[in-house]
PDB file of N, CA and C in Angstrom:
ATOM      1  N   MET A   1      49.004  98.932 100.794  1.00  0.00           N
ATOM      2  CA  MET A   1      49.599  99.117  99.697  1.00  0.00           C
ATOM      3  C   MET A   1      49.895 100.378  98.811  1.00  0.00           C
ATOM      4  N   ARG A   2      50.693 100.310  97.885  1.00  0.00           N
ATOM      5  CA  ARG A   2      51.419 101.959  97.539  1.00  0.00           C
ATOM      6  C   ARG A   2      51.328 101.516  95.760  1.00  0.00           C
ATOM      7  N   LEU A   3      50.701 102.657  95.286  1.00  0.00           N
ATOM      8  CA  LEU A   3      50.597 102.380  93.772  1.00  0.00           C
ATOM      9  C   LEU A   3      51.643 103.981  93.043  1.00  0.00           C
ATOM     10  N   LEU A   4      52.382 102.840  92.140  1.00  0.00           N
ATOM     11  CA  LEU A   4      53.643 103.637  91.440  1.00  0.00           C
ATOM     12  C   LEU A   4      53.077 104.199  90.042  1.00  0.00           C
ATOM     13  N   ILE A   5      52.557 104.990  89.723  1.00  0.00           N
ATOM     14  CA  ILE A   5      52.132 105.805  88.406  1.00  0.00           C
ATOM     15  C   ILE A   5      53.186 106.404  87.828  1.00  0.00           C
ATOM     16  N   VAL A   6      53.900 105.587  85.922  1.00  0.00           N
ATOM     17  CA  VAL A   6      54.394 106.252  86.008  1.00  0.00           C
ATOM     18  C   VAL A   6      54.288 106.371  84.187  1.00  0.00           C
ATOM     19  N   SER A   7      54.558 107.425  83.879  1.00  0.00           N
ATOM     20  CA  SER A   7      53.603 107.874  82.414  1.00  0.00           C
ATOM     21  C   SER A   7      54.494 108.908  82.202  1.00  0.00           C
ATOM     22  N   ASN A   8      54.442 109.150  80.889  1.00  0.00           N
ATOM     23  CA  ASN A   8      54.421 110.383  80.546  1.00  0.00           C
ATOM     24  C   ASN A   8      54.445 111.681  81.242  1.00  0.00           C
ATOM     25  N   ARG A   9      53.418 111.207  81.191  1.00  0.00           N
ATOM     26  CA  ARG A   9      52.193 112.337  81.584  1.00  0.00           C
ATOM     27  C   ARG A   9      52.100 112.703  82.883  1.00  0.00           C
ATOM     28  N   LEU A  10      52.118 114.192  83.755  1.00  0.00           N
ATOM     29  CA  LEU A  10      51.965 114.122  85.651  1.00  0.00           C
ATOM     30  C   LEU A  10      50.200 114.387  85.362  1.00  0.00           C
ATOM     31  N   PRO A  11      49.688 114.453  86.479  1.00  0.00           N
ATOM     32  CA  PRO A  11      48.327 114.957  86.990  1.00  0.00           C
ATOM     33  C   PRO A  11      48.579 116.786  86.881  1.00  0.00           C
ATOM     34  N   ILE A  12      50.200 117.133  86.751  1.00  0.00           N
ATOM     35  CA  ILE A  12      50.232 118.552  86.570  1.00  0.00           C
ATOM     36  C   ILE A  12      50.887 118.767  85.313  1.00  0.00           C
ATOM     37  N   THR A  13      50.839 120.441  85.052  1.00  0.00           N
ATOM     38  CA  THR A  13      52.303 120.551  84.012  1.00  0.00           C
ATOM     39  C   THR A  13      52.991 121.584  84.915  1.00  0.00           C
ATOM     40  N   VAL A  14      53.848 121.840  84.328  1.00  0.00           N
ATOM     41  CA  VAL A  14      54.500 122.479  85.090  1.00  0.00           C
ATOM     42  C   VAL A  14      54.830 123.917  83.992  1.00  0.00           C
ATOM     43  N   ILE A  15      54.619 125.364  84.259  1.00  0.00           N
ATOM     44  CA  ILE A  15      54.984 126.215  83.460  1.00  0.00           C
ATOM     45  C   ILE A  15      56.285 126.832  83.999  1.00  0.00           C
ATOM     46  N   ALA A  16      57.080 127.454  83.366  1.00  0.00           N
ATOM     47  CA  ALA A  16      58.318 127.797  84.151  1.00  0.00           C
ATOM     48  C   ALA A  16      58.183 129.248  83.235  1.00  0.00           C
ATOM     49  N   GLU A  17      58.253 130.619  84.057  1.00  0.00           N
ATOM     50  CA  GLU A  17      58.608 131.627  83.762  1.00  0.00           C
ATOM     51  C   GLU A  17      59.179 131.972  84.790  1.00  0.00           C
ATOM     52  N   ASP A  18      58.695 133.560  85.587  1.00  0.00           N
ATOM     53  CA  ASP A  18      59.822 133.850  86.123  1.00  0.00           C
ATOM     54  C   ASP A  18      59.619 132.946  87.733  1.00  0.00           C
ATOM     55  N   GLU A  19      58.724 132.404  87.744  1.00  0.00           N
ATOM     56  CA  GLU A  19      58.575 131.673  89.168  1.00  0.00           C
ATOM     57  C   GLU A  19      58.061 130.641  88.138  1.00  0.00           C
ATOM     58  N   LEU A  20      57.738 129.054  89.048  1.00  0.00           N
ATOM     59  CA  LEU A  20      57.313 128.078  88.481  1.00  0.00           C
ATOM     60  C   LEU A  20      55.379 128.193  88.943  1.00  0.00           C
ATOM     61  N   LYS A  21      55.305 127.655  87.931  1.00  0.00           N
ATOM     62  CA  LYS A  21      53.977 127.990  87.807  1.00  0.00           C
ATOM     63  C   LYS A  21      52.834 126.347  87.662  1.00  0.00           C
ATOM     64  N   PHE A  22      51.731 125.806  88.573  1.00  0.00           N
ATOM     65  CA  PHE A  22      51.581 124.708  88.476  1.00  0.00           C
ATOM     66  C   PHE A  22      50.128 124.579  87.773  1.00  0.00           C
ATOM     67  N   LYS A  23      49.745 123.895  86.963  1.00  0.00           N
ATOM     68  CA  LYS A  23      48.116 123.725  86.266  1.00  0.00           C
ATOM     69  C   LYS A  23      47.818 122.470  86.616  1.00  0.00           C
ATOM     70  N   GLU A  24      46.799 121.817  86.523  1.00  0.00           N
ATOM     71  CA  GLU A  24      45.529 120.634  86.302  1.00  0.00           C
ATOM     72  C   GLU A  24      46.081 120.194  84.791  1.00  0.00           C
ATOM     73  N   SER A  25      46.957 119.138  84.394  1.00  0.00           N
ATOM     74  CA  SER A  25      46.431 118.219  83.382  1.00  0.00           C
ATOM     75  C   SER A  25      44.976 117.538  82.920  1.00  0.00           C
ATOM     76  N   VAL A  26      44.836 117.031  81.955  1.00  0.00           N
ATOM     77  CA  VAL A  26      44.102 116.656  81.224  1.00  0.00           C
ATOM     78  C   VAL A  26      43.992 115.758  80.579  1.00  0.00           C
ATOM     79  N   GLY A  27      43.095 115.094  80.444  1.00  0.00           N
ATOM     80  CA  GLY A  27      42.961 114.293  79.230  1.00  0.00           C
ATOM     81  C   GLY A  27      43.897 112.743  79.542  1.00  0.00           C
ATOM     82  N   GLY A  28      43.439 111.602  78.642  1.00  0.00           N
ATOM     83  CA  GLY A  28      44.673 110.758  78.989  1.00  0.00           C
ATOM     84  C   GLY A  28      44.584 110.072  79.833  1.00  0.00           C
ATOM     85  N   LEU A  29      45.552 109.326  80.639  1.00  0.00           N
ATOM     86  CA  LEU A  29      45.613 108.795  81.485  1.00  0.00           C
ATOM     87  C   LEU A  29      45.030 109.570  82.681  1.00  0.00           C
ATOM     88  N   VAL A  30      45.494 110.659  83.314  1.00  0.00           N
ATOM     89  CA  VAL A  30      45.698 111.469  84.412  1.00  0.00           C
ATOM     90  C   VAL A  30      43.528 111.672  84.182  1.00  0.00           C
ATOM     91  N   SER A  31      42.917 111.918  83.513  1.00  0.00           N
ATOM     92  CA  SER A  31      41.202 111.893  83.377  1.00  0.00           C
ATOM     93  C   SER A  31      41.240 110.511  83.707  1.00  0.00           C
ATOM     94  N   GLY A  32      41.454 109.436  83.142  1.00  0.00           N
ATOM     95  CA  GLY A  32      41.058 108.435  83.267  1.00  0.00           C
ATOM     96  C   GLY A  32      41.269 107.347  84.796  1.00  0.00           C
ATOM     97  N   LEU A  33      42.526 107.882  85.471  1.00  0.00           N
ATOM     98  CA  LEU A  33      42.505 107.014  87.046  1.00  0.00           C
ATOM     99  C   LEU A  33      42.168 108.255  88.155  1.00  0.00           C
ATOM    100  N   LYS A  34      42.072 109.652  87.467  1.00  0.00           N
ATOM    101  CA  LYS A  34      41.746 110.561  88.581  1.00  0.00           C
ATOM    102  C   LYS A  34      40.398 109.981  89.624  1.00  0.00           C
ATOM    103  N   ALA A  35      39.318 109.913  89.136  1.00  0.00           N
ATOM    104  CA  ALA A  35      38.213 109.724  89.811  1.00  0.00           C
ATOM    105  C   ALA A  35      38.757 107.957  90.174  1.00  0.00           C
ATOM    106  N   TYR A  36      39.253 107.319  90.275  1.00  0.00           N
ATOM    107  CA  TYR A  36      39.902 106.114  91.019  1.00  0.00           C
ATOM    108  C   TYR A  36      40.934 106.644  92.456  1.00  0.00           C
ATOM    109  N   LEU A  37      41.530 107.104  91.250  1.00  0.00           N
ATOM    110  CA  LEU A  37      42.370 108.005  92.610  1.00  0.00           C
ATOM    111  C   LEU A  37      41.624 108.828  93.905  1.00  0.00           C
ATOM    112  N   ASP A  38      40.737 109.713  93.729  1.00  0.00           N
ATOM    113  CA  ASP A  38      40.227 110.217  94.469  1.00  0.00           C
ATOM    114  C   ASP A  38      39.006 109.502  94.860  1.00  0.00           C
ATOM    115  N   SER A  39      38.804 108.248  94.333  1.00  0.00           N
ATOM    116  CA  SER A  39      38.071 107.717  95.052  1.00  0.00           C
ATOM    117  C   SER A  39      38.329 106.640  96.261  1.00  0.00           C
ATOM    118  N   THR A  40      39.672 106.706  96.148  1.00  0.00           N
ATOM    119  CA  THR A  40      40.175 105.471  97.409  1.00  0.00           C
ATOM    120  C   THR A  40      40.769 106.915  98.616  1.00  0.00           C
ATOM    121  N   LYS A  41      40.558 107.762  98.768  1.00  0.00           N
ATOM    122  CA  LYS A  41      41.018 108.907 100.231  1.00  0.00           C
ATOM    123  C   LYS A  41      40.409 108.657 100.926  1.00  0.00           C
ATOM    124  N   GLY A  42      40.849 108.137 101.915  1.00  0.00           N
ATOM    125  CA  GLY A  42      39.854 108.491 103.309  1.00  0.00           C
ATOM    126  C   GLY A  42      39.249 106.918 103.593  1.00  0.00           C
ATOM    127  N   LYS A  43      39.455 105.674 102.124  1.00  0.00           N
ATOM    128  CA  LYS A  43      38.988 104.276 102.248  1.00  0.00           C
ATOM    129  C   LYS A  43      39.570 104.115 103.266  1.00  0.00           C
ATOM    130  N   PRO A  44      39.183 102.274 103.968  1.00  0.00           N
ATOM    131  CA  PRO A  44      40.043 101.682 104.590  1.00  0.00           C
ATOM    132  C   PRO A  44      41.724 101.249 103.534  1.00  0.00           C
ATOM    133  N   GLU A  45      42.440 101.272 104.529  1.00  0.00           N
ATOM    134  CA  GLU A  45      43.828 100.769 104.219  1.00  0.00           C
ATOM    135  C   GLU A  45      44.117  99.416 102.974  1.00  0.00           C
ATOM    136  N   ASN A  46      43.236  98.954 102.966  1.00  0.00           N
ATOM    137  CA  ASN A  46      42.628  97.569 101.447  1.00  0.00           C
ATOM    138  C   ASN A  46      42.944  98.246 100.175  1.00  0.00           C
ATOM    139  N   LEU A  47      42.550 100.052 100.229  1.00  0.00           N
ATOM    140  CA  LEU A  47      42.676 100.129  98.512  1.00  0.00           C
ATOM    141  C   LEU A  47      43.719 101.043  98.803  1.00  0.00           C
ATOM    142  N   THR A  48      43.685 102.151  97.521  1.00  0.00           N
ATOM    143  CA  THR A  48      44.931 101.588  97.298  1.00  0.00           C
ATOM    144  C   THR A  48      45.203 103.819  97.144  1.00  0.00           C
ATOM    145  N   SER A  49      45.084 103.974  98.676  1.00  0.00           N
ATOM    146  CA  SER A  49      45.348 104.802  99.030  1.00  0.00           C
ATOM    147  C   SER A  49      46.385 106.192  99.182  1.00  0.00           C
ATOM    148  N   ASP A  50      47.333 105.399  98.645  1.00  0.00           N
ATOM    149  CA  ASP A  50      48.814 105.826  99.009  1.00  0.00           C
ATOM    150  C   ASP A  50      49.447 105.647  97.802  1.00  0.00           C
ATOM    151  N   TYR A  51      49.461 106.765  96.763  1.00  0.00           N
ATOM    152  CA  TYR A  51      50.327 106.579  95.540  1.00  0.00           C
ATOM    153  C   TYR A  51      51.373 107.314  94.693  1.00  0.00           C
ATOM    154  N   ALA A  52      51.944 107.426  93.840  1.00  0.00           N
ATOM    155  CA  ALA A  52      53.166 108.274  93.436  1.00  0.00           C
ATOM    156  C   ALA A  52      53.251 108.103  92.095  1.00  0.00           C
ATOM    157  N   TRP A  53      53.365 109.828  91.655  1.00  0.00           N
ATOM    158  CA  TRP A  53      53.196 109.704  90.137  1.00  0.00           C
ATOM    159  C   TRP A  53      54.501 110.408  89.972  1.00  0.00           C
ATOM    160  N   ILE A  54      54.702 109.307  88.650  1.00  0.00           N
ATOM    161  CA  ILE A  54      56.538 109.462  88.062  1.00  0.00           C
ATOM    162  C   ILE A  54      56.453 109.903  86.536  1.00  0.00           C
ATOM    163  N   GLY A  55      56.648 111.348  86.152  1.00  0.00           N
ATOM    164  CA  GLY A  55      56.717 111.403  84.871  1.00  0.00           C
ATOM    165  C   GLY A  55      57.702 112.779  85.197  1.00  0.00           C
ATOM    166  N   TRP A  56      57.452 113.210  83.244  1.00  0.00           N
ATOM    167  CA  TRP A  56      57.858 114.298  83.096  1.00  0.00           C
ATOM    168  C   TRP A  56      57.551 115.866  83.167  1.00  0.00           C
ATOM    169  N   PRO A  57      57.707 116.827  83.801  1.00  0.00           N
ATOM    170  CA  PRO A  57      56.875 118.105  83.823  1.00  0.00           C
ATOM    171  C   PRO A  57      56.690 118.546  83.167  1.00  0.00           C
ATOM    172  N   GLY A  58      56.892 118.328  82.245  1.00  0.00           N
ATOM    173  CA  GLY A  58      56.074 119.236  80.768  1.00  0.00           C
ATOM    174  C   GLY A  58      56.823 119.794  80.528  1.00  0.00           C
ATOM    175  N   CYS A  59      58.067 120.858  81.326  1.00  0.00           N
ATOM    176  CA  CYS A  59      59.077 121.477  80.946  1.00  0.00           C
ATOM    177  C   CYS A  59      60.330 121.159  81.611  1.00  0.00           C
ATOM    178  N   THR A  60      60.992 121.579  80.789  1.00  0.00           N
ATOM    179  CA  THR A  60      62.616 121.659  82.197  1.00  0.00           C
ATOM    180  C   THR A  60      62.494 123.410  82.171  1.00  0.00           C
ATOM    181  N   ILE A  61      63.516 122.953  83.851  1.00  0.00           N
ATOM    182  CA  ILE A  61      63.179 124.137  84.912  1.00  0.00           C
ATOM    183  C   ILE A  61      64.801 124.518  84.641  1.00  0.00           C
ATOM    184  N   LYS A  62      64.801 125.738  84.348  1.00  0.00           N
ATOM    185  CA  LYS A  62      66.164 126.871  84.846  1.00  0.00           C
ATOM    186  C   LYS A  62      66.576 126.827  85.645  1.00  0.00           C
ATOM    187  N   ASP A  63      68.557 126.026  86.031  1.00  0.00           N
ATOM    188  CA  ASP A  63      68.993 125.902  86.819  1.00  0.00           C
ATOM    189  C   ASP A  63      68.238 127.143  88.622  1.00  0.00           C
ATOM    190  N   SER A  64      68.281 128.630  87.677  1.00  0.00           N
ATOM    191  CA  SER A  64      68.463 129.398  88.434  1.00  0.00           C
ATOM    192  C   SER A  64      66.508 129.888  89.164  1.00  0.00           C
ATOM    193  N   LEU A  65      65.712 128.630  89.002  1.00  0.00           N
ATOM    194  CA  LEU A  65      64.012 128.799  89.178  1.00  0.00           C
ATOM    195  C   LEU A  65      64.679 126.797  90.336  1.00  0.00           C
ATOM    196  N   LYS A  66      65.528 126.574  90.283  1.00  0.00           N
ATOM    197  CA  LYS A  66      65.709 125.688  91.156  1.00  0.00           C
ATOM    198  C   LYS A  66      65.982 125.585  92.096  1.00  0.00           C
ATOM    199  N   GLY A  67      65.677 124.857  93.426  1.00  0.00           N
ATOM    200  CA  GLY A  67      65.500 125.342  94.328  1.00  0.00           C
ATOM    201  C   GLY A  67      67.076 125.856  95.106  1.00  0.00           C
TER     202      GLY A  67
END
């Protein structure tokens, strides 16, 4: 089973300076789901071990930094 998590906040925050930097987000939904999602890793397939998190990275990325 695949779980799609759609929220304002991603589990990471992107900081766009001369390069992109990533740091783990804290609080709210991220904290609430992190323990559960971590506990499903390496478990039988009937648990939600496959998930995608959809949301805003916390900043606007300049065109010059995009791939």
